[in-house]
């Protein structure tokens, strides 16, 4: 089947499986690369939410715990971007919510790094993760940074 996959699917690594009607599934969830990424993405996403809760309850936004959360968010964001890229290959819409963007922006906000937080919000909106109030969060971080939004930021906020 590998020869046929490469011939007809432009290099997509698809694992075919019969659906209820007996036809072969051809979507991102049957793509082996997507499965490998999602198997890492979702558990890490849940860990980020748990770690954020602990960080928030201790009101400790610096130190090793915060550094670990920041690193995990950055890794999870890269996984989200790769999943989204694969989903777009199949003309699917990536999920609008990506908690790692929100938590990293919130961490930077709590640390007083408003420009970094705005940058994360901007990045989320650029890749299609507009959920979790990301547009309003971007506007709020720009205001807290004490500046006016750029034309690109305005366009993302006003979508």
N, C-alpha and C. Protein backbone atom coordinates (compact mmCIF):
# COMPACT_ATOMS: atom_id res chain seq x y z
N UNK A 1 0.83 -1.19 0.00
CA UNK A 1 0.00 0.00 0.00
C UNK A 1 0.87 1.25 0.00
N UNK A 2 2.13 1.17 0.45
CA UNK A 2 3.00 2.33 0.50
C UNK A 2 3.23 2.96 -0.85
N UNK A 3 3.39 2.12 -1.89
CA UNK A 3 3.59 2.64 -3.24
C UNK A 3 2.39 3.45 -3.67
N UNK A 4 1.19 2.92 -3.44
CA UNK A 4 -0.04 3.61 -3.85
C UNK A 4 -0.23 4.89 -3.05
N UNK A 5 0.10 4.88 -1.77
CA UNK A 5 0.02 6.10 -0.96
C UNK A 5 0.89 7.19 -1.55
N UNK A 6 2.13 6.84 -1.86
CA UNK A 6 3.05 7.86 -2.38
C UNK A 6 2.63 8.32 -3.77
N UNK A 7 2.04 7.44 -4.56
CA UNK A 7 1.64 7.79 -5.91
C UNK A 7 0.41 8.70 -5.93
N UNK A 8 -0.58 8.39 -5.11
CA UNK A 8 -1.84 9.11 -5.16
C UNK A 8 -2.05 10.15 -4.07
N UNK A 9 -1.21 10.20 -3.07
CA UNK A 9 -1.46 11.09 -1.94
C UNK A 9 -0.37 12.12 -1.73
N UNK A 10 0.41 12.40 -2.70
CA UNK A 10 1.43 13.46 -2.64
C UNK A 10 2.29 13.38 -1.39
N UNK A 11 2.67 12.20 -0.99
CA UNK A 11 3.56 12.06 0.15
C UNK A 11 2.86 12.00 1.49
N UNK A 12 1.53 12.09 1.52
CA UNK A 12 0.83 11.98 2.80
C UNK A 12 0.98 10.55 3.31
N UNK A 13 1.34 10.41 4.55
CA UNK A 13 1.49 9.08 5.13
C UNK A 13 0.17 8.67 5.74
N UNK A 14 -0.64 8.00 4.95
CA UNK A 14 -1.99 7.67 5.38
C UNK A 14 -2.09 6.21 5.78
N UNK A 15 -2.79 5.99 6.86
CA UNK A 15 -3.11 4.65 7.30
C UNK A 15 -4.59 4.47 7.00
N UNK A 16 -4.91 3.65 6.02
CA UNK A 16 -6.30 3.49 5.61
C UNK A 16 -7.03 2.55 6.55
N UNK A 17 -8.26 2.92 6.85
CA UNK A 17 -9.10 2.04 7.65
C UNK A 17 -10.52 2.16 7.14
N UNK A 18 -11.26 1.08 7.14
CA UNK A 18 -12.62 1.10 6.63
C UNK A 18 -13.53 1.78 7.63
N UNK A 19 -14.42 2.65 7.11
CA UNK A 19 -15.40 3.28 7.99
C UNK A 19 -16.70 2.46 7.95
N UNK A 20 -17.76 2.96 8.52
CA UNK A 20 -19.00 2.22 8.62
C UNK A 20 -19.57 1.83 7.25
N UNK A 21 -19.32 2.61 6.24
CA UNK A 21 -19.84 2.33 4.91
C UNK A 21 -18.87 1.49 4.08
N UNK A 22 -17.74 1.13 4.66
CA UNK A 22 -16.78 0.30 3.95
C UNK A 22 -15.82 1.11 3.09
N UNK A 23 -15.95 2.43 3.07
CA UNK A 23 -15.04 3.27 2.29
C UNK A 23 -13.82 3.56 3.15
N UNK A 24 -12.74 3.95 2.49
CA UNK A 24 -11.52 4.23 3.24
C UNK A 24 -11.52 5.65 3.76
N UNK A 25 -11.11 5.79 4.99
CA UNK A 25 -11.01 7.11 5.61
C UNK A 25 -9.76 7.80 5.08
N UNK A 26 -9.89 9.06 4.70
CA UNK A 26 -8.76 9.85 4.22
C UNK A 26 -8.86 11.22 4.88
N UNK A 27 -8.50 11.27 6.15
CA UNK A 27 -8.51 12.54 6.87
C UNK A 27 -7.30 12.61 7.77
N UNK A 28 -7.14 13.75 8.41
CA UNK A 28 -5.93 13.95 9.22
C UNK A 28 -5.81 12.93 10.34
N UNK A 29 -6.92 12.44 10.87
CA UNK A 29 -6.87 11.51 11.99
C UNK A 29 -6.38 10.13 11.57
N UNK A 30 -6.37 9.86 10.26
CA UNK A 30 -5.81 8.60 9.80
C UNK A 30 -4.37 8.77 9.30
N UNK A 31 -3.86 9.99 9.37
CA UNK A 31 -2.49 10.28 8.97
C UNK A 31 -1.56 9.87 10.12
N UNK A 32 -0.60 9.03 9.83
CA UNK A 32 0.30 8.51 10.88
C UNK A 32 1.07 9.62 11.58
N UNK A 33 1.49 10.65 10.83
CA UNK A 33 2.22 11.76 11.47
C UNK A 33 1.32 12.49 12.44
N UNK A 34 0.07 12.71 12.03
CA UNK A 34 -0.90 13.41 12.88
C UNK A 34 -1.15 12.62 14.16
N UNK A 35 -1.30 11.32 14.03
CA UNK A 35 -1.54 10.49 15.21
C UNK A 35 -0.36 10.55 16.17
N UNK A 36 0.85 10.48 15.63
CA UNK A 36 2.05 10.53 16.47
C UNK A 36 2.11 11.86 17.23
N UNK A 37 1.81 12.95 16.55
CA UNK A 37 1.82 14.28 17.18
C UNK A 37 0.71 14.40 18.21
N UNK A 38 -0.51 13.99 17.84
CA UNK A 38 -1.63 14.13 18.77
C UNK A 38 -1.47 13.25 20.01
N UNK A 39 -0.80 12.10 19.85
CA UNK A 39 -0.54 11.24 21.01
C UNK A 39 0.35 11.93 22.04
N UNK A 40 1.15 12.88 21.60
CA UNK A 40 1.99 13.65 22.52
C UNK A 40 1.29 14.95 22.92
N UNK A 41 0.60 15.59 21.97
CA UNK A 41 -0.02 16.90 22.19
C UNK A 41 -1.06 16.88 23.32
N UNK A 42 -2.02 15.97 23.25
CA UNK A 42 -3.14 16.00 24.19
C UNK A 42 -2.73 15.71 25.64
N UNK A 43 -1.91 14.69 25.91
CA UNK A 43 -1.47 14.50 27.30
C UNK A 43 -0.67 15.70 27.83
N UNK A 44 0.18 16.27 26.97
CA UNK A 44 0.96 17.43 27.38
C UNK A 44 0.05 18.63 27.65
N UNK A 45 -1.00 18.79 26.83
CA UNK A 45 -1.96 19.87 27.02
C UNK A 45 -2.63 19.75 28.39
N UNK A 46 -3.03 18.53 28.76
CA UNK A 46 -3.65 18.32 30.07
C UNK A 46 -2.67 18.59 31.21
N UNK A 47 -1.42 18.24 31.01
CA UNK A 47 -0.38 18.51 32.01
C UNK A 47 -0.19 20.02 32.19
N UNK A 48 -0.22 20.76 31.10
CA UNK A 48 -0.09 22.21 31.16
C UNK A 48 -1.22 22.81 31.98
N UNK A 49 -2.44 22.34 31.75
CA UNK A 49 -3.59 22.85 32.51
C UNK A 49 -3.43 22.55 34.00
N UNK A 50 -2.98 21.35 34.32
CA UNK A 50 -2.76 20.97 35.71
C UNK A 50 -1.65 21.82 36.34
N UNK A 51 -0.54 21.97 35.61
CA UNK A 51 0.58 22.77 36.12
C UNK A 51 0.18 24.23 36.31
N UNK A 52 -0.63 24.76 35.39
CA UNK A 52 -1.09 26.15 35.53
C UNK A 52 -1.91 26.30 36.81
N UNK A 53 -2.77 25.35 37.08
CA UNK A 53 -3.61 25.41 38.28
C UNK A 53 -2.74 25.45 39.54
N UNK A 54 -1.71 24.64 39.58
CA UNK A 54 -0.80 24.64 40.73
C UNK A 54 -0.08 25.97 40.84
N UNK A 55 0.44 26.44 39.72
CA UNK A 55 1.15 27.72 39.69
C UNK A 55 0.24 28.85 40.17
N UNK A 56 -0.98 28.85 39.67
CA UNK A 56 -1.95 29.89 40.02
C UNK A 56 -2.29 29.83 41.51
N UNK A 57 -2.49 28.65 42.03
CA UNK A 57 -2.84 28.52 43.45
C UNK A 57 -1.70 28.95 44.37
N UNK A 58 -0.47 28.71 43.97
CA UNK A 58 0.68 29.16 44.76
C UNK A 58 1.04 30.62 44.50
N UNK A 59 0.46 31.20 43.44
CA UNK A 59 0.78 32.58 43.03
C UNK A 59 2.29 32.73 42.83
N UNK A 60 2.90 31.69 42.26
CA UNK A 60 4.34 31.65 42.06
C UNK A 60 4.62 31.63 40.56
N UNK A 61 4.83 32.80 39.98
CA UNK A 61 4.97 32.92 38.53
C UNK A 61 6.43 33.05 38.08
N UNK A 62 7.34 32.67 38.96
CA UNK A 62 8.76 32.65 38.60
C UNK A 62 9.37 31.40 39.22
N UNK A 63 10.57 31.11 38.86
CA UNK A 63 11.23 29.93 39.41
C UNK A 63 11.09 28.72 38.50
N UNK A 64 11.48 27.58 39.03
CA UNK A 64 11.54 26.34 38.25
C UNK A 64 10.18 25.90 37.72
N UNK A 65 9.15 26.01 38.55
CA UNK A 65 7.82 25.59 38.13
C UNK A 65 7.33 26.43 36.95
N UNK A 66 7.55 27.73 37.01
CA UNK A 66 7.15 28.61 35.91
C UNK A 66 8.00 28.35 34.66
N UNK A 67 9.28 28.12 34.85
CA UNK A 67 10.16 27.81 33.72
C UNK A 67 9.72 26.53 33.02
N UNK A 68 9.35 25.53 33.80
CA UNK A 68 8.90 24.26 33.23
C UNK A 68 7.59 24.44 32.46
N UNK A 69 6.68 25.24 33.03
CA UNK A 69 5.42 25.52 32.35
C UNK A 69 5.67 26.24 31.02
N UNK A 70 6.55 27.23 31.06
CA UNK A 70 6.88 27.98 29.84
C UNK A 70 7.42 27.05 28.76
N UNK A 71 8.34 26.18 29.12
CA UNK A 71 8.93 25.24 28.16
C UNK A 71 7.89 24.28 27.61
N UNK A 72 7.04 23.74 28.48
CA UNK A 72 5.99 22.83 28.03
C UNK A 72 5.00 23.52 27.10
N UNK A 73 4.68 24.76 27.40
CA UNK A 73 3.77 25.52 26.52
C UNK A 73 4.39 25.72 25.15
N UNK A 74 5.66 26.08 25.12
CA UNK A 74 6.35 26.29 23.84
C UNK A 74 6.37 25.00 23.02
N UNK A 75 6.66 23.87 23.66
CA UNK A 75 6.66 22.59 22.96
C UNK A 75 5.26 22.24 22.45
N UNK A 76 4.26 22.48 23.29
CA UNK A 76 2.88 22.16 22.92
C UNK A 76 2.41 23.04 21.77
N UNK A 77 2.83 24.28 21.76
CA UNK A 77 2.49 25.19 20.66
C UNK A 77 3.07 24.67 19.35
N UNK A 78 4.30 24.18 19.38
CA UNK A 78 4.91 23.62 18.17
C UNK A 78 4.13 22.39 17.70
N UNK A 79 3.70 21.55 18.63
CA UNK A 79 2.90 20.38 18.27
C UNK A 79 1.57 20.81 17.66
N UNK A 80 0.93 21.83 18.25
CA UNK A 80 -0.34 22.34 17.71
C UNK A 80 -0.15 22.83 16.28
N UNK A 81 0.93 23.58 16.05
CA UNK A 81 1.18 24.12 14.71
C UNK A 81 1.36 22.99 13.70
N UNK A 82 2.07 21.95 14.08
CA UNK A 82 2.29 20.83 13.17
C UNK A 82 0.98 20.07 12.92
N UNK A 83 0.18 19.87 13.97
CA UNK A 83 -1.12 19.23 13.78
C UNK A 83 -1.99 20.06 12.86
N UNK A 84 -2.00 21.38 13.08
CA UNK A 84 -2.81 22.28 12.25
C UNK A 84 -2.36 22.23 10.79
N UNK A 85 -1.06 22.16 10.57
CA UNK A 85 -0.53 22.09 9.21
C UNK A 85 -1.03 20.82 8.52
N UNK A 86 -0.99 19.71 9.21
CA UNK A 86 -1.46 18.45 8.63
C UNK A 86 -2.96 18.50 8.39
N UNK A 87 -3.72 19.05 9.34
CA UNK A 87 -5.17 19.15 9.16
C UNK A 87 -5.52 20.00 7.95
N UNK A 88 -4.78 21.05 7.73
CA UNK A 88 -5.03 21.90 6.56
C UNK A 88 -4.74 21.17 5.25
N UNK A 89 -3.80 20.22 5.27
CA UNK A 89 -3.54 19.41 4.08
C UNK A 89 -4.78 18.63 3.66
N UNK A 90 -5.63 18.31 4.61
CA UNK A 90 -6.85 17.56 4.37
C UNK A 90 -8.08 18.47 4.31
N UNK A 91 -7.85 19.76 4.17
CA UNK A 91 -8.92 20.76 4.12
C UNK A 91 -9.80 20.72 5.37
N UNK A 92 -9.18 20.44 6.50
CA UNK A 92 -9.87 20.46 7.78
C UNK A 92 -9.49 21.72 8.54
N UNK A 93 -10.35 22.13 9.43
CA UNK A 93 -10.10 23.33 10.22
C UNK A 93 -9.51 22.91 11.57
N UNK A 94 -8.33 23.44 11.91
CA UNK A 94 -7.74 23.12 13.22
C UNK A 94 -8.63 23.64 14.35
N UNK A 95 -8.53 23.04 15.52
CA UNK A 95 -9.33 23.52 16.65
C UNK A 95 -9.01 24.97 16.98
N UNK A 96 -10.04 25.77 17.29
CA UNK A 96 -9.80 27.18 17.59
C UNK A 96 -9.15 27.41 18.95
N UNK A 97 -9.26 26.43 19.84
CA UNK A 97 -8.67 26.56 21.17
C UNK A 97 -7.36 25.78 21.25
N UNK A 98 -6.35 26.46 21.72
CA UNK A 98 -5.06 25.82 21.98
C UNK A 98 -4.59 26.35 23.33
N UNK A 99 -4.91 25.64 24.40
CA UNK A 99 -4.65 26.14 25.75
C UNK A 99 -3.21 26.58 26.03
N UNK A 100 -2.24 26.01 25.35
CA UNK A 100 -0.85 26.39 25.60
C UNK A 100 -0.61 27.86 25.26
N UNK A 101 -1.24 28.36 24.20
CA UNK A 101 -1.11 29.78 23.87
C UNK A 101 -1.67 30.63 25.00
N UNK A 102 -2.86 30.27 25.46
CA UNK A 102 -3.52 31.04 26.52
C UNK A 102 -2.69 31.02 27.80
N UNK A 103 -2.23 29.85 28.21
CA UNK A 103 -1.48 29.75 29.47
C UNK A 103 -0.14 30.46 29.39
N UNK A 104 0.53 30.38 28.25
CA UNK A 104 1.81 31.08 28.12
C UNK A 104 1.60 32.59 28.15
N UNK A 105 0.57 33.06 27.47
CA UNK A 105 0.25 34.49 27.51
C UNK A 105 -0.10 34.93 28.93
N UNK A 106 -0.84 34.10 29.64
CA UNK A 106 -1.20 34.43 31.02
C UNK A 106 0.03 34.44 31.92
N UNK A 107 0.93 33.50 31.72
CA UNK A 107 2.17 33.48 32.50
C UNK A 107 2.96 34.75 32.27
N UNK A 108 3.14 35.12 31.00
CA UNK A 108 3.88 36.35 30.69
C UNK A 108 3.18 37.58 31.27
N UNK A 109 1.87 37.59 31.22
CA UNK A 109 1.13 38.71 31.81
C UNK A 109 1.38 38.79 33.31
N UNK A 110 1.30 37.67 34.01
CA UNK A 110 1.54 37.65 35.46
C UNK A 110 2.96 38.07 35.80
N UNK A 111 3.90 37.81 34.89
CA UNK A 111 5.29 38.20 35.08
C UNK A 111 5.53 39.66 34.68
N UNK A 112 4.51 40.31 34.13
CA UNK A 112 4.66 41.70 33.70
C UNK A 112 5.30 41.87 32.33
N UNK A 113 5.39 40.79 31.57
CA UNK A 113 5.98 40.82 30.23
C UNK A 113 4.86 40.96 29.20
N UNK A 114 4.28 42.14 29.11
CA UNK A 114 3.09 42.35 28.29
C UNK A 114 3.38 42.23 26.79
N UNK A 115 4.56 42.66 26.36
CA UNK A 115 4.91 42.53 24.94
C UNK A 115 5.06 41.05 24.56
N UNK A 116 5.66 40.26 25.43
CA UNK A 116 5.78 38.82 25.16
C UNK A 116 4.40 38.18 25.11
N UNK A 117 3.53 38.58 26.02
CA UNK A 117 2.17 38.05 26.04
C UNK A 117 1.43 38.44 24.76
N UNK A 118 1.59 39.69 24.33
CA UNK A 118 0.94 40.14 23.09
C UNK A 118 1.48 39.34 21.90
N UNK A 119 2.76 39.07 21.90
CA UNK A 119 3.38 38.30 20.82
C UNK A 119 2.79 36.89 20.74
N UNK A 120 2.57 36.26 21.87
CA UNK A 120 1.98 34.92 21.91
C UNK A 120 0.54 34.97 21.40
N UNK A 121 -0.21 35.97 21.80
CA UNK A 121 -1.59 36.11 21.32
C UNK A 121 -1.61 36.31 19.81
N UNK A 122 -0.73 37.14 19.31
CA UNK A 122 -0.62 37.40 17.88
C UNK A 122 -0.30 36.09 17.13
N UNK A 123 0.65 35.35 17.65
CA UNK A 123 1.04 34.08 17.04
C UNK A 123 -0.14 33.10 17.02
N UNK A 124 -0.89 33.04 18.11
CA UNK A 124 -2.06 32.16 18.17
C UNK A 124 -3.08 32.52 17.10
N UNK A 125 -3.36 33.80 16.99
CA UNK A 125 -4.34 34.24 16.00
C UNK A 125 -3.86 33.99 14.58
N UNK A 126 -2.58 34.13 14.35
CA UNK A 126 -2.02 33.88 13.01
C UNK A 126 -2.20 32.43 12.57
N UNK A 127 -2.10 31.50 13.51
CA UNK A 127 -2.22 30.08 13.14
C UNK A 127 -3.66 29.57 13.26
N UNK A 128 -4.59 30.44 13.63
CA UNK A 128 -6.00 30.05 13.68
C UNK A 128 -6.52 29.67 15.04
N UNK A 129 -5.75 29.87 16.08
CA UNK A 129 -6.20 29.56 17.45
C UNK A 129 -6.83 30.82 18.04
N UNK A 130 -8.02 31.14 17.58
CA UNK A 130 -8.69 32.38 17.99
C UNK A 130 -9.56 32.20 19.22
N UNK A 131 -9.75 30.97 19.66
CA UNK A 131 -10.60 30.71 20.83
C UNK A 131 -9.96 31.21 22.11
N UNK A 132 -10.61 30.93 23.21
CA UNK A 132 -10.14 31.33 24.54
C UNK A 132 -10.01 32.85 24.67
N UNK A 133 -10.80 33.60 23.90
CA UNK A 133 -10.76 35.06 24.01
C UNK A 133 -9.44 35.66 23.57
N UNK A 134 -8.80 35.04 22.59
CA UNK A 134 -7.45 35.46 22.20
C UNK A 134 -7.43 36.87 21.61
N UNK A 135 -8.47 37.24 20.87
CA UNK A 135 -8.51 38.60 20.29
C UNK A 135 -8.55 39.66 21.39
N UNK A 136 -9.42 39.46 22.36
CA UNK A 136 -9.53 40.44 23.44
C UNK A 136 -8.28 40.41 24.33
N UNK A 137 -7.68 39.24 24.48
CA UNK A 137 -6.44 39.15 25.25
C UNK A 137 -5.33 39.93 24.56
N UNK A 138 -5.24 39.82 23.23
CA UNK A 138 -4.23 40.58 22.49
C UNK A 138 -4.44 42.08 22.70
N UNK A 139 -5.68 42.53 22.57
CA UNK A 139 -5.97 43.95 22.76
C UNK A 139 -5.60 44.40 24.18
N UNK A 140 -5.90 43.57 25.16
CA UNK A 140 -5.59 43.90 26.56
C UNK A 140 -4.08 43.97 26.80
N UNK A 141 -3.33 43.05 26.22
CA UNK A 141 -1.87 43.04 26.41
C UNK A 141 -1.22 44.25 25.73
N UNK A 142 -1.74 44.63 24.58
CA UNK A 142 -1.23 45.82 23.90
C UNK A 142 -1.48 47.06 24.75
N UNK A 143 -2.68 47.14 25.32
CA UNK A 143 -3.02 48.27 26.18
C UNK A 143 -2.12 48.29 27.43
N UNK A 144 -1.90 47.12 28.04
CA UNK A 144 -1.04 47.04 29.22
C UNK A 144 0.41 47.38 28.88
N UNK A 145 0.82 47.09 27.63
CA UNK A 145 2.18 47.43 27.19
C UNK A 145 2.31 48.93 26.95
N UNK A 146 1.18 49.64 26.95
CA UNK A 146 1.20 51.09 26.81
C UNK A 146 1.47 51.57 25.39
N UNK A 147 0.94 50.86 24.42
CA UNK A 147 1.16 51.26 23.03
C UNK A 147 -0.10 51.05 22.21
N UNK A 148 -0.06 51.52 20.99
CA UNK A 148 -1.16 51.33 20.05
C UNK A 148 -0.90 50.05 19.24
N UNK A 149 -1.95 49.37 18.81
CA UNK A 149 -1.75 48.17 18.00
C UNK A 149 -1.25 48.52 16.60
N UNK A 150 -0.43 47.63 16.05
CA UNK A 150 0.03 47.78 14.67
C UNK A 150 -1.14 47.49 13.73
N UNK A 151 -0.96 47.77 12.46
CA UNK A 151 -2.01 47.48 11.48
C UNK A 151 -2.30 45.99 11.42
N UNK A 152 -1.25 45.16 11.50
CA UNK A 152 -1.42 43.71 11.48
C UNK A 152 -2.20 43.24 12.71
N UNK A 153 -1.88 43.81 13.86
CA UNK A 153 -2.59 43.45 15.09
C UNK A 153 -4.04 43.89 15.02
N UNK A 154 -4.29 45.08 14.51
CA UNK A 154 -5.67 45.55 14.35
C UNK A 154 -6.47 44.61 13.47
N UNK A 155 -5.86 44.17 12.37
CA UNK A 155 -6.55 43.27 11.45
C UNK A 155 -6.91 41.95 12.14
N UNK A 156 -6.02 41.42 12.96
CA UNK A 156 -6.31 40.17 13.67
C UNK A 156 -7.37 40.37 14.74
N UNK A 157 -7.31 41.49 15.43
CA UNK A 157 -8.28 41.77 16.49
C UNK A 157 -9.68 41.94 15.91
N UNK A 158 -9.76 42.57 14.73
CA UNK A 158 -11.06 42.90 14.13
C UNK A 158 -11.66 41.79 13.28
N UNK A 159 -11.00 40.65 13.17
CA UNK A 159 -11.53 39.55 12.36
C UNK A 159 -12.86 39.07 12.89
